[in-house]
Amino acid sequence: MRTYKEKYLAGFLARLFLHNPLTMILGVTLIVLGIIALLMMPREEDPQIAISGGVVIVTLPGASAAEVEQVVVRPLERRIKEIKGVEHIYGIASDNVGIVNVMYYIGENREASNLKLYDKVMQNLDQLPSGASSPLVRPLDIDIDIPILSVAFYAKAGQTIDPVRLYQKVEAIRNGLGDVPNVAKTEIKGEHKEQFNIEVDLRKLAGYRLSMEQIVGALNGLSMRLPEVTNHTTEGKLVVFGVKNVLENVEDIQNLIVAHYGASAIYLKDVATVNLGYDVQNKKSALISVRQSDGTLSPLHEQVTLSVSKLKGSNAVLIAQDVLARLEAQQPMLEKEGIGYTVTRNYGERANDAVNELVFHLFISIVIIAFLLIFILGWREGLIVILTVPAILSITIFIAYVSGQTINRITLFAFLLSLGLLVDDVIVVIENIHRHLHAQSAKDKPMDDLLVEATDEIGAPTNLATIAIILTMVPMAFVGQMMGEFMKPIPLNVPVAMSASLLIAYIFTPFLARRFLKKKDVTEGKSHDATL
C-alpha cells in the first residue's frame, strides 16, 4: 500500500521507472548506443578550429615596390576592410608583385568568408592599374592544409635510384590514393621531375651573334600541339590533319633551327648542350637519415615525402589505417625498385593513442570512485555507482556524436572534468536511500515508498545544485578567439553530462537499489530482502 505521495520530479521519475519492465531495456540501450558512438565517432588529436583567411596576389610587371604599394596594395586593403568579419589585413609590396593577407575572426564560417573575399576582389577589378594581372585569390584552408599522414620514400642502403624514377613511383602511389574515402588532398614534397635541360654556351652564342630571346622564341614556337582540324573535300571525303609537338626527344631539340646565318642554318646543338634529366633549377630537396639494423644512423640522403590530408570531421584513424594498408600492398613493387619508406607523421595513430589513453583514465576514475563508496557506504552501493556512471557517459557521447562533434583530447577532458561532478547526483541519491533504509522508521514503510521518498526528498536541492553547475559552464561558450574554440567542447558536453546525471540518478538509482540493497530491521538486528 502506498504511504508516500511524491512532491518533485525526482519522486515522479523514481515511482514511474521503479517497476517498469522497460527500465532495464532502457539502461542496456543507452550503454549500447554509447559504445556504438564511441566506436563510430571521428577521432582526432585536437579539435578542429574554424580559422578563415586568404591571400590576394597581383602582379604589375615593371613597377617598383613603392608603386605597387600605392596603386595595388593600398586600394585592395581599403576594399577588403569593407568585408564584415575581417580582423587583420597585412599588405606586402615588392617589385612587380603585391600581396594582401586577410585573416577573419576565429569562428567565422570558412566557406562564406572565402566567397566574400573573392566577391569583393572581383567587384573592384576596375580599381587595379592598367597592366596589372588578374588577381589570384587563394583561401586559407587549415582543415586540409595540415596533413594527418606523412611518408618518406628513399633509396635503400646499397641501392641507387634516379630522382625522377623515385618521383614517378611515389606519384603512382599518390594517384592510387584518390579513391580513399575522406581524403581531401595529397601532396609530394622534395620531388624532382623529368625535363629537358638546355645549357647554352654563351661564347658560341656570341660567336653566332645570337641572343637568348632567339633561343627562347624558337623553343616556344615549336613546343606546342595544334588541334586537329576536320574538313570535307568536294568529293565528300573527310580530311583530318593536325600538327603535333615536334619536340619530343633530345634529338628533336638538338636539331631545332634557331637562326639562319647566310645560307646556312644554325641548330640549337651548335650553341647548346641538350640532355634529358631532372629539374635542376629546383633547389628544394628533403633529406632523411634512417636507423639501420645495427642501431646506427645512415648518412643523409634525398627522399620524397608524400603527405595526406583529411576532410573536416572525418576519422583520422580510419584514413591513416587505409592509406598504410595500401602502402603495404605496394611493398613488393617498392622492394623490386629498391625503394624504402618510413612513416614520419601519423596523426591518426597519435589521435587513437590519446583517445584510448584518456578512455582508460576515465575507466580508472570510475573504479576509484566506486572503491571509495565501497569503504564508505558498502559494496552494493558502490556497484550501483559503477552501473550508473557508464550510462551517463553513454548518453553524453551519443549526443556529442549526433551533434557532429569529434572525439579528441579536449572532448575527453570535458568528460573527465564532468566525471567528478556527474557522480554527485548518483552519490547523493544512493546515500539518502542508504540512510532511509537504516532509519528506525524503515521497518514500518514499504520498500518502494522508502526508495521513492529518499529520492524525492533530495530532488529540489539536487536540481538546484546541478543547474548551478551547468550555469557556471555556460559562460565558457562565449569565450572568443583561439581559447574559445579550444574550450568549446566543455560548455557543450558538461551541461549534457550533468543533465544526464540527474535523470540517471532519479531513474536508475532507485531501480537498482530495490534489487541490490536491503532494508535493515534495527530493532531485531535482522535484514529483509529489498524485493519484499
Protein backbone atom coordinates (compact mmCIF):
# COMPACT_ATOMS: atom_id res chain seq x y z
CA MET A 1 0.00 0.00 0.00
CA ARG A 2 1.39 3.40 -0.97
CA THR A 3 2.03 5.62 2.06
CA TYR A 4 4.09 8.41 0.44
CA LYS A 5 2.94 10.94 -2.15
CA GLU A 6 5.85 12.27 -4.23
CA LYS A 7 6.25 16.06 -4.50
CA TYR A 8 9.04 16.69 -7.00
CA LEU A 9 10.17 15.43 -10.40
CA ALA A 10 12.69 13.15 -8.73
CA GLY A 11 9.96 11.24 -6.93
CA PHE A 12 7.75 11.01 -10.01
CA LEU A 13 10.57 9.56 -12.10
CA ALA A 14 11.57 7.13 -9.35
CA ARG A 15 7.99 5.87 -9.00
CA LEU A 16 7.45 5.68 -12.77
CA PHE A 17 10.51 3.51 -13.51
CA LEU A 18 10.74 1.54 -10.27
CA HIS A 19 8.73 -1.45 -11.56
CA ASN A 20 8.64 -0.59 -15.25
CA PRO A 21 9.89 -3.54 -17.34
CA LEU A 22 11.36 -1.11 -19.86
CA THR A 23 13.80 0.35 -17.33
CA MET A 24 16.35 -2.41 -17.78
CA ILE A 25 15.92 -2.31 -21.55
CA LEU A 26 16.43 1.46 -21.49
CA GLY A 27 19.65 1.12 -19.49
CA VAL A 28 21.11 -1.52 -21.82
CA THR A 29 20.08 0.52 -24.87
CA LEU A 30 21.81 3.65 -23.53
CA ILE A 31 25.07 1.79 -22.92
CA VAL A 32 24.95 0.13 -26.35
CA LEU A 33 24.33 3.50 -28.03
CA GLY A 34 27.28 4.96 -26.13
CA ILE A 35 29.59 2.13 -27.22
CA ILE A 36 28.48 2.47 -30.84
CA ALA A 37 29.01 6.25 -30.72
CA LEU A 38 32.46 5.80 -29.16
CA LEU A 39 33.49 3.40 -31.93
CA MET A 40 32.00 5.41 -34.81
CA MET A 41 32.80 8.92 -33.59
CA PRO A 42 35.60 10.51 -35.67
CA ARG A 43 38.85 10.61 -33.72
CA GLU A 44 41.48 13.30 -33.89
CA GLU A 45 44.14 14.56 -31.54
CA ASP A 46 42.99 18.18 -31.35
CA PRO A 47 39.63 19.81 -32.09
CA GLN A 48 39.25 21.39 -35.49
CA ILE A 49 39.13 25.16 -35.18
CA ALA A 50 37.30 27.36 -37.66
CA ILE A 51 40.04 29.63 -38.98
CA SER A 52 39.28 31.67 -42.10
CA GLY A 53 41.59 33.73 -44.23
CA GLY A 54 43.10 34.14 -47.66
CA VAL A 55 45.78 35.70 -49.83
CA VAL A 56 45.30 38.04 -52.78
CA ILE A 57 48.26 38.21 -55.21
CA VAL A 58 48.51 40.79 -58.02
CA THR A 59 51.48 41.24 -60.34
CA LEU A 60 52.37 44.53 -62.01
CA PRO A 61 55.42 43.98 -64.26
CA GLY A 62 57.94 46.80 -64.28
CA ALA A 63 56.57 48.58 -61.19
CA SER A 64 58.69 49.36 -58.15
CA ALA A 65 57.72 48.35 -54.62
CA ALA A 66 56.56 51.90 -53.82
CA GLU A 67 54.39 51.99 -56.94
CA VAL A 68 52.90 48.57 -56.18
CA GLU A 69 52.06 49.75 -52.66
CA GLN A 70 50.25 52.88 -53.87
CA VAL A 71 48.29 51.50 -56.82
CA VAL A 72 47.74 47.85 -55.84
CA VAL A 73 48.16 47.03 -52.15
CA ARG A 74 46.51 50.05 -50.53
CA PRO A 75 43.40 50.05 -52.76
CA LEU A 76 42.92 46.33 -52.11
CA GLU A 77 43.29 46.86 -48.36
CA ARG A 78 40.64 49.61 -48.37
CA ARG A 79 38.16 47.44 -50.23
CA ILE A 80 38.79 44.28 -48.22
CA LYS A 81 38.23 46.22 -44.96
CA GLU A 82 34.62 46.60 -46.08
CA ILE A 83 34.06 42.86 -45.57
CA LYS A 84 32.31 42.03 -42.31
CA GLY A 85 34.28 39.72 -40.02
CA VAL A 86 37.79 40.72 -41.17
CA GLU A 87 40.14 41.03 -38.20
CA HIS A 88 43.57 41.68 -39.70
CA ILE A 89 44.91 42.75 -43.12
CA TYR A 90 48.62 42.53 -43.91
CA GLY A 91 49.85 44.08 -47.16
CA ILE A 92 53.24 43.30 -48.71
CA ALA A 93 54.64 45.26 -51.65
CA SER A 94 57.74 44.31 -53.63
CA ASP A 95 58.99 44.97 -57.11
CA ASN A 96 56.41 43.71 -59.63
CA VAL A 97 54.22 41.95 -57.04
CA GLY A 98 51.70 42.97 -54.38
CA ILE A 99 50.35 40.55 -51.76
CA VAL A 100 47.49 41.14 -49.31
CA ASN A 101 46.94 38.61 -46.50
CA VAL A 102 43.48 38.56 -44.91
CA MET A 103 42.55 37.00 -41.56
CA TYR A 104 38.98 36.72 -40.30
CA TYR A 105 37.88 36.47 -36.70
CA ILE A 106 38.21 32.93 -35.40
CA GLY A 107 34.88 31.19 -35.63
CA GLU A 108 33.76 32.84 -38.88
CA ASN A 109 32.34 30.42 -41.42
CA ARG A 110 35.19 29.47 -43.74
CA GLU A 111 33.16 28.90 -46.92
CA ALA A 112 31.23 32.15 -46.51
CA SER A 113 34.42 34.08 -45.75
CA ASN A 114 36.18 32.75 -48.85
CA LEU A 115 33.21 33.67 -51.00
CA LYS A 116 33.07 37.21 -49.57
CA LEU A 117 36.77 37.76 -50.20
CA TYR A 118 36.61 36.53 -53.80
CA ASP A 119 33.45 38.53 -54.48
CA LYS A 120 34.90 41.75 -53.07
CA VAL A 121 38.11 41.44 -55.12
CA MET A 122 36.23 40.66 -58.34
CA GLN A 123 33.88 43.62 -57.81
CA ASN A 124 36.83 46.01 -57.71
CA LEU A 125 38.87 44.87 -60.70
CA ASP A 126 38.43 48.33 -62.22
CA GLN A 127 40.45 49.77 -59.32
CA LEU A 128 43.60 47.99 -60.46
CA PRO A 129 46.01 49.86 -62.74
CA SER A 130 46.50 49.11 -66.41
CA GLY A 131 48.94 46.27 -66.95
CA ALA A 132 48.13 44.52 -63.66
CA SER A 133 47.38 40.82 -63.81
CA SER A 134 44.07 39.33 -62.81
CA PRO A 135 44.12 38.87 -59.00
CA LEU A 136 44.89 35.41 -57.70
CA VAL A 137 42.73 34.70 -54.64
CA ARG A 138 43.91 31.73 -52.56
CA PRO A 139 41.82 30.90 -49.47
CA LEU A 140 43.38 29.58 -46.30
CA ASP A 141 42.07 26.09 -45.59
CA ILE A 142 43.51 24.87 -42.29
CA ASP A 143 41.29 21.78 -42.38
CA ILE A 144 43.21 20.24 -45.27
CA ASP A 145 46.48 22.19 -45.19
CA ILE A 146 47.72 20.22 -42.17
CA PRO A 147 48.46 16.59 -43.16
CA ILE A 148 47.45 13.69 -40.94
CA LEU A 149 49.96 11.30 -42.51
CA SER A 150 53.44 11.83 -43.97
CA VAL A 151 55.50 9.05 -45.55
CA ALA A 152 59.12 9.49 -46.66
CA PHE A 153 60.33 7.39 -49.62
CA TYR A 154 64.05 6.89 -50.20
CA ALA A 155 66.58 4.61 -51.87
CA LYS A 156 67.55 1.71 -49.63
CA ALA A 157 71.12 1.19 -48.48
CA GLY A 158 73.26 -0.05 -51.33
CA GLN A 159 70.62 0.89 -53.91
CA THR A 160 70.83 3.72 -56.42
CA ILE A 161 67.69 5.14 -57.92
CA ASP A 162 67.25 8.08 -60.23
CA PRO A 163 65.43 11.04 -58.58
CA VAL A 164 62.97 11.15 -61.46
CA ARG A 165 62.27 7.44 -61.14
CA LEU A 166 61.69 7.84 -57.39
CA TYR A 167 59.23 10.66 -58.01
CA GLN A 168 57.37 8.69 -60.67
CA LYS A 169 56.88 5.73 -58.33
CA VAL A 170 55.66 7.96 -55.50
CA GLU A 171 53.37 9.78 -57.93
CA ALA A 172 51.87 6.43 -58.97
CA ILE A 173 51.19 5.61 -55.32
CA ARG A 174 49.68 9.06 -54.84
CA ASN A 175 47.31 8.53 -57.77
CA GLY A 176 46.21 5.24 -56.21
CA LEU A 177 45.06 7.07 -53.08
CA GLY A 178 42.48 9.08 -54.98
CA ASP A 179 39.64 6.72 -54.07
CA VAL A 180 40.40 6.57 -50.33
CA PRO A 181 37.27 7.85 -48.55
CA ASN A 182 37.50 11.30 -46.92
CA VAL A 183 40.99 12.07 -48.24
CA ALA A 184 41.00 15.78 -49.08
CA LYS A 185 44.43 16.41 -50.53
CA THR A 186 47.69 14.61 -51.25
CA GLU A 187 50.97 16.43 -51.81
CA ILE A 188 54.53 15.46 -52.71
CA LYS A 189 57.50 17.37 -51.30
CA GLY A 190 61.16 17.11 -52.30
CA GLU A 191 60.44 15.69 -55.74
CA HIS A 192 62.48 16.16 -58.91
CA LYS A 193 60.52 15.98 -62.15
CA GLU A 194 61.74 14.95 -65.57
CA GLN A 195 62.66 17.71 -68.04
CA PHE A 196 64.94 18.58 -70.95
CA ASN A 197 67.91 20.65 -69.79
CA ILE A 198 69.48 23.08 -72.29
CA GLU A 199 72.87 24.51 -71.33
CA VAL A 200 73.70 27.39 -73.65
CA ASP A 201 77.36 28.19 -74.34
CA LEU A 202 77.46 31.97 -74.14
CA ARG A 203 80.72 32.19 -76.09
CA LYS A 204 79.27 30.22 -79.01
CA LEU A 205 76.10 32.28 -78.73
CA ALA A 206 78.14 35.48 -79.07
CA GLY A 207 80.14 33.96 -81.91
CA TYR A 208 76.98 33.35 -83.93
CA ARG A 209 75.68 36.76 -82.90
CA LEU A 210 72.56 35.28 -81.36
CA SER A 211 70.59 36.25 -78.26
CA MET A 212 68.82 34.23 -75.58
CA GLU A 213 65.49 35.68 -76.79
CA GLN A 214 66.02 33.94 -80.13
CA ILE A 215 66.61 30.62 -78.39
CA VAL A 216 63.52 31.01 -76.23
CA GLY A 217 61.39 32.13 -79.17
CA ALA A 218 62.43 29.14 -81.28
CA LEU A 219 61.58 26.74 -78.46
CA ASN A 220 58.23 28.34 -77.73
CA GLY A 221 57.32 28.33 -81.39
CA LEU A 222 57.57 24.56 -81.73
CA SER A 223 56.84 23.20 -78.27
CA MET A 224 53.10 23.05 -78.75
CA ARG A 225 50.44 20.80 -80.19
CA LEU A 226 47.98 22.31 -82.63
CA PRO A 227 44.40 20.98 -82.51
CA GLU A 228 43.19 18.60 -85.17
CA VAL A 229 41.20 20.20 -87.96
CA THR A 230 38.48 18.40 -89.91
CA ASN A 231 37.11 19.36 -93.31
CA HIS A 232 35.26 17.88 -96.29
CA THR A 233 36.54 17.74 -99.86
CA THR A 234 34.44 18.31 -102.93
CA GLU A 235 34.27 14.55 -103.33
CA GLY A 236 32.65 14.27 -99.89
CA LYS A 237 35.69 12.78 -98.24
CA LEU A 238 36.59 13.68 -94.66
CA VAL A 239 40.12 15.05 -94.24
CA VAL A 240 41.66 15.15 -90.78
CA PHE A 241 45.02 16.79 -90.18
CA GLY A 242 46.93 18.31 -87.28
CA VAL A 243 50.37 19.38 -86.16
CA LYS A 244 51.76 17.69 -83.09
CA ASN A 245 54.52 18.85 -80.81
CA VAL A 246 57.73 18.27 -82.78
CA LEU A 247 59.96 18.45 -79.67
CA GLU A 248 59.62 15.00 -78.15
CA ASN A 249 63.18 13.84 -77.51
CA VAL A 250 66.75 15.09 -77.19
CA GLU A 251 67.47 14.76 -80.93
CA ASP A 252 64.44 16.87 -81.83
CA ILE A 253 65.61 19.68 -79.59
CA GLN A 254 69.22 19.45 -80.77
CA ASN A 255 68.13 19.78 -84.40
CA LEU A 256 65.95 22.79 -83.71
CA ILE A 257 66.84 25.67 -86.08
CA VAL A 258 67.25 28.84 -84.07
CA ALA A 259 68.52 31.16 -86.81
CA HIS A 260 69.99 31.39 -90.27
CA TYR A 261 73.46 32.72 -90.99
CA GLY A 262 73.68 33.45 -94.67
CA ALA A 263 72.54 30.30 -96.46
CA SER A 264 73.32 28.06 -93.51
CA ALA A 265 71.01 27.08 -90.68
CA ILE A 266 72.15 27.38 -87.09
CA TYR A 267 70.93 24.49 -84.93
CA LEU A 268 70.48 24.52 -81.20
CA LYS A 269 73.16 21.84 -80.84
CA ASP A 270 75.65 24.30 -82.31
CA VAL A 271 75.33 26.66 -79.36
CA ALA A 272 73.99 24.47 -76.51
CA THR A 273 74.18 21.05 -74.91
CA VAL A 274 70.84 19.22 -74.54
CA ASN A 275 70.16 16.31 -72.22
CA LEU A 276 67.20 14.61 -70.60
CA GLY A 277 67.40 14.85 -66.82
CA TYR A 278 65.51 16.37 -63.91
CA ASP A 279 64.56 19.93 -62.98
CA VAL A 280 67.98 21.20 -61.96
CA GLN A 281 66.56 24.65 -61.26
CA ASN A 282 64.53 23.15 -58.40
CA LYS A 283 66.78 23.77 -55.43
CA LYS A 284 64.31 22.37 -52.92
CA SER A 285 65.17 18.97 -51.51
CA ALA A 286 64.44 16.92 -48.41
CA LEU A 287 66.99 14.70 -46.69
CA ILE A 288 66.49 11.75 -44.40
CA SER A 289 68.63 9.56 -42.17
CA VAL A 290 67.35 6.05 -41.48
CA ARG A 291 68.21 3.95 -38.44
CA GLN A 292 69.94 0.79 -39.63
CA SER A 293 69.78 -2.74 -38.24
CA ASP A 294 72.86 -2.20 -36.07
CA GLY A 295 71.31 0.87 -34.45
CA THR A 296 73.41 3.46 -36.26
CA LEU A 297 72.04 6.20 -38.48
CA SER A 298 72.68 6.15 -42.19
CA PRO A 299 74.19 9.20 -43.93
CA LEU A 300 71.73 11.84 -45.05
CA HIS A 301 70.31 11.17 -48.49
CA GLU A 302 67.45 12.55 -50.56
CA GLN A 303 63.89 11.49 -50.01
CA VAL A 304 60.42 12.29 -51.32
CA THR A 305 57.62 12.87 -48.83
CA LEU A 306 54.01 12.01 -49.58
CA SER A 307 51.54 13.79 -47.28
CA VAL A 308 47.82 13.06 -46.91
CA SER A 309 45.18 15.44 -45.53
CA LYS A 310 41.64 14.60 -44.49
CA LEU A 311 38.26 16.26 -44.83
CA LYS A 312 36.87 18.15 -41.87
CA GLY A 313 35.01 15.99 -39.37
CA SER A 314 36.30 12.67 -40.75
CA ASN A 315 38.06 9.97 -38.75
CA ALA A 316 41.83 10.43 -38.90
CA VAL A 317 42.39 6.93 -37.51
CA LEU A 318 40.50 5.10 -40.27
CA ILE A 319 42.01 7.22 -43.05
CA ALA A 320 45.57 6.64 -41.82
CA GLN A 321 44.95 2.91 -41.49
CA ASP A 322 43.50 2.72 -45.01
CA VAL A 323 46.44 4.59 -46.55
CA LEU A 324 49.03 2.49 -44.71
CA ALA A 325 47.25 -0.69 -45.79
CA ARG A 326 47.52 0.41 -49.41
CA LEU A 327 51.21 1.14 -48.93
CA GLU A 328 51.67 -2.38 -47.60
CA ALA A 329 50.09 -3.69 -50.79
CA GLN A 330 52.71 -1.74 -52.78
CA GLN A 331 55.57 -3.24 -50.77
CA PRO A 332 56.59 -5.87 -53.42
CA MET A 333 56.85 -3.19 -56.12
CA LEU A 334 58.89 -0.91 -53.85
CA GLU A 335 61.21 -3.77 -52.89
CA LYS A 336 61.81 -4.53 -56.55
CA GLU A 337 62.71 -0.89 -57.22
CA GLY A 338 64.94 -0.67 -54.15
CA ILE A 339 62.72 1.91 -52.51
CA GLY A 340 62.12 2.01 -48.78
CA TYR A 341 59.69 4.16 -46.83
CA THR A 342 59.10 5.26 -43.28
CA VAL A 343 56.14 6.99 -41.66
CA THR A 344 57.33 10.34 -40.35
CA ARG A 345 53.94 11.55 -39.13
CA ASN A 346 50.86 9.55 -38.23
CA TYR A 347 48.24 11.87 -36.81
CA GLY A 348 45.69 9.05 -36.77
CA GLU A 349 47.85 6.81 -34.57
CA ARG A 350 48.58 9.67 -32.18
CA ALA A 351 44.89 10.58 -32.01
CA ASN A 352 43.89 6.96 -31.39
CA ASP A 353 46.50 6.56 -28.65
CA ALA A 354 45.44 9.81 -26.99
CA VAL A 355 41.76 8.85 -27.06
CA ASN A 356 42.41 5.31 -25.79
CA GLU A 357 44.63 6.61 -23.00
CA LEU A 358 42.02 9.09 -21.83
CA VAL A 359 39.27 6.46 -22.02
CA PHE A 360 41.45 4.22 -19.89
CA HIS A 361 41.96 7.02 -17.36
CA LEU A 362 38.21 7.59 -17.41
CA PHE A 363 37.69 3.96 -16.51
CA ILE A 364 40.26 4.18 -13.71
CA SER A 365 38.47 7.24 -12.30
CA ILE A 366 35.16 5.36 -12.21
CA VAL A 367 36.79 2.42 -10.40
CA ILE A 368 38.44 4.72 -7.83
CA ILE A 369 35.12 6.42 -7.09
CA ALA A 370 33.44 3.04 -6.72
CA PHE A 371 36.11 1.84 -4.27
CA LEU A 372 35.68 4.97 -2.17
CA LEU A 373 31.95 4.32 -1.96
CA ILE A 374 32.57 0.68 -1.05
CA PHE A 375 34.58 1.72 2.01
CA ILE A 376 32.16 4.48 2.99
CA LEU A 377 28.71 3.03 2.21
CA GLY A 378 29.22 -0.61 1.17
CA TRP A 379 29.91 -2.76 -1.85
CA ARG A 380 26.30 -2.80 -3.01
CA GLU A 381 26.17 1.00 -3.15
CA GLY A 382 29.49 1.08 -4.99
CA LEU A 383 28.16 -1.42 -7.52
CA ILE A 384 25.19 0.82 -8.23
CA VAL A 385 27.51 3.74 -8.99
CA ILE A 386 29.61 1.55 -11.32
CA LEU A 387 26.45 0.64 -13.25
CA THR A 388 25.02 4.16 -13.49
CA VAL A 389 28.11 6.20 -14.43
CA PRO A 390 28.67 4.38 -17.80
CA ALA A 391 25.05 5.10 -18.70
CA ILE A 392 25.62 8.81 -18.05
CA LEU A 393 28.75 8.87 -20.18
CA SER A 394 26.99 6.87 -22.90
CA ILE A 395 24.26 9.50 -23.19
CA THR A 396 26.84 12.28 -23.35
CA ILE A 397 28.99 10.57 -26.00
CA PHE A 398 25.95 9.66 -28.11
CA ILE A 399 24.61 13.22 -28.09
CA ALA A 400 28.10 14.52 -28.97
CA TYR A 401 28.23 12.07 -31.89
CA VAL A 402 24.75 13.02 -33.15
CA SER A 403 25.62 16.74 -32.92
CA GLY A 404 28.62 16.25 -35.23
CA GLN A 405 31.44 16.55 -32.71
CA THR A 406 34.68 14.61 -32.90
CA ILE A 407 36.29 12.78 -30.04
CA ASN A 408 39.61 14.42 -29.18
CA ARG A 409 41.70 15.42 -26.20
CA ILE A 410 39.52 18.42 -25.37
CA THR A 411 36.28 16.43 -25.65
CA LEU A 412 37.59 13.72 -23.34
CA PHE A 413 38.92 16.39 -20.99
CA ALA A 414 35.36 17.66 -20.76
CA PHE A 415 34.21 14.13 -19.86
CA LEU A 416 36.93 13.82 -17.22
CA LEU A 417 36.04 17.24 -15.84
CA SER A 418 32.38 16.33 -15.61
CA LEU A 419 33.09 12.88 -14.12
CA GLY A 420 33.78 14.30 -10.67
CA LEU A 421 30.57 16.31 -10.95
CA LEU A 422 28.21 13.81 -12.54
CA VAL A 423 28.70 11.19 -9.82
CA ASP A 424 27.50 13.71 -7.25
CA ASP A 425 23.83 13.21 -8.15
CA VAL A 426 24.07 9.42 -8.01
CA ILE A 427 26.05 9.53 -4.75
CA VAL A 428 23.58 11.94 -3.13
CA VAL A 429 20.61 9.75 -4.09
CA ILE A 430 22.24 6.45 -3.06
CA GLU A 431 23.47 7.95 0.22
CA ASN A 432 19.98 9.21 1.10
CA ILE A 433 18.47 5.83 0.18
CA HIS A 434 21.09 4.16 2.38
CA ARG A 435 20.15 6.46 5.28
CA HIS A 436 16.44 5.81 4.89
CA LEU A 437 16.92 2.05 4.75
CA HIS A 438 18.86 2.15 8.05
CA ALA A 439 16.49 4.50 9.85
CA GLN A 440 14.36 3.23 12.75
CA SER A 441 11.13 4.11 10.89
CA ALA A 442 12.13 2.00 7.89
CA LYS A 443 10.54 -1.18 9.29
CA ASP A 444 7.09 0.37 9.13
CA LYS A 445 7.29 1.53 5.49
CA PRO A 446 7.09 -0.43 2.26
CA MET A 447 10.35 -0.74 0.35
CA ASP A 448 9.00 1.11 -2.69
CA ASP A 449 7.89 4.09 -0.62
CA LEU A 450 11.28 4.24 1.10
CA LEU A 451 13.08 4.42 -2.22
CA VAL A 452 10.71 6.99 -3.73
CA GLU A 453 10.72 9.14 -0.59
CA ALA A 454 14.51 9.06 -0.31
CA THR A 455 14.85 10.09 -3.96
CA ASP A 456 12.13 12.74 -3.80
CA GLU A 457 13.49 14.22 -0.58
CA ILE A 458 16.71 15.41 -2.17
CA GLY A 459 15.12 16.30 -5.54
CA ALA A 460 14.86 20.07 -5.08
CA PRO A 461 18.37 20.71 -3.69
CA THR A 462 19.94 18.31 -6.19
CA ASN A 463 18.17 20.03 -9.08
CA LEU A 464 19.35 23.41 -7.82
CA ALA A 465 22.94 22.25 -7.38
CA THR A 466 23.02 20.70 -10.86
CA ILE A 467 21.57 23.80 -12.50
CA ALA A 468 24.12 25.95 -10.68
CA ILE A 469 26.98 23.83 -12.03
CA ILE A 470 25.57 23.98 -15.55
CA LEU A 471 25.28 27.76 -15.34
CA THR A 472 28.92 28.05 -14.32
CA MET A 473 29.90 26.23 -17.54
CA VAL A 474 27.66 28.19 -19.92
CA PRO A 475 29.79 31.41 -19.92
CA MET A 476 32.68 29.41 -21.37
CA ALA A 477 30.68 29.15 -24.60
CA PHE A 478 31.06 32.91 -25.08
CA VAL A 479 34.86 32.97 -24.81
CA GLY A 480 36.21 34.23 -28.11
CA GLN A 481 39.28 33.75 -30.26
CA MET A 482 41.52 30.70 -30.14
CA MET A 483 40.88 29.86 -26.48
CA GLY A 484 37.15 29.87 -27.05
CA GLU A 485 37.44 27.43 -29.94
CA PHE A 486 39.63 25.09 -27.91
CA MET A 487 37.34 25.17 -24.86
CA LYS A 488 34.08 24.87 -26.80
CA PRO A 489 33.64 21.11 -26.09
CA ILE A 490 33.50 21.85 -22.35
CA PRO A 491 30.36 24.07 -22.35
CA LEU A 492 28.83 21.74 -24.95
CA ASN A 493 29.38 18.44 -23.15
CA VAL A 494 29.50 19.20 -19.42
CA PRO A 495 25.88 20.52 -19.26
CA VAL A 496 24.73 17.46 -21.21
CA ALA A 497 26.60 15.16 -18.82
CA MET A 498 25.16 16.93 -15.78
CA SER A 499 21.61 16.75 -17.14
CA ALA A 500 22.07 13.06 -17.95
CA SER A 501 23.48 12.51 -14.45
CA LEU A 502 20.36 13.99 -12.90
CA LEU A 503 17.97 11.83 -14.92
CA ILE A 504 20.01 8.65 -14.41
CA ALA A 505 20.17 9.29 -10.66
CA TYR A 506 16.37 9.63 -10.44
CA ILE A 507 15.53 6.75 -12.78
CA PHE A 508 18.12 4.01 -12.35
CA THR A 509 19.43 4.53 -8.80
CA PRO A 510 16.09 3.63 -7.10
CA PHE A 511 15.57 0.85 -9.64
CA LEU A 512 18.96 -0.74 -8.87
CA ALA A 513 18.66 -0.05 -5.14
CA ARG A 514 15.45 -2.07 -4.99
CA ARG A 515 17.34 -5.07 -6.35
CA PHE A 516 20.67 -4.77 -4.56
CA LEU A 517 20.01 -3.07 -1.23
CA LYS A 518 18.27 -4.42 1.86
CA LYS A 519 16.10 -2.81 4.48
CA LYS A 520 17.62 -3.28 7.92
CA ASP A 521 15.44 -4.04 10.95
CA VAL A 522 17.21 -2.01 13.63
CA THR A 523 15.09 -3.35 16.47
CA GLU A 524 15.82 -7.04 15.97
CA GLY A 525 19.09 -6.80 14.06
CA LYS A 526 17.58 -8.64 11.09
CA SER A 527 17.65 -7.74 7.41
CA HIS A 528 14.85 -8.10 4.90
CA ASP A 529 15.41 -8.57 1.21
CA ALA A 530 14.84 -5.41 -0.79
CA THR A 531 12.32 -7.15 -3.04
CA LEU A 532 9.85 -7.81 -0.25
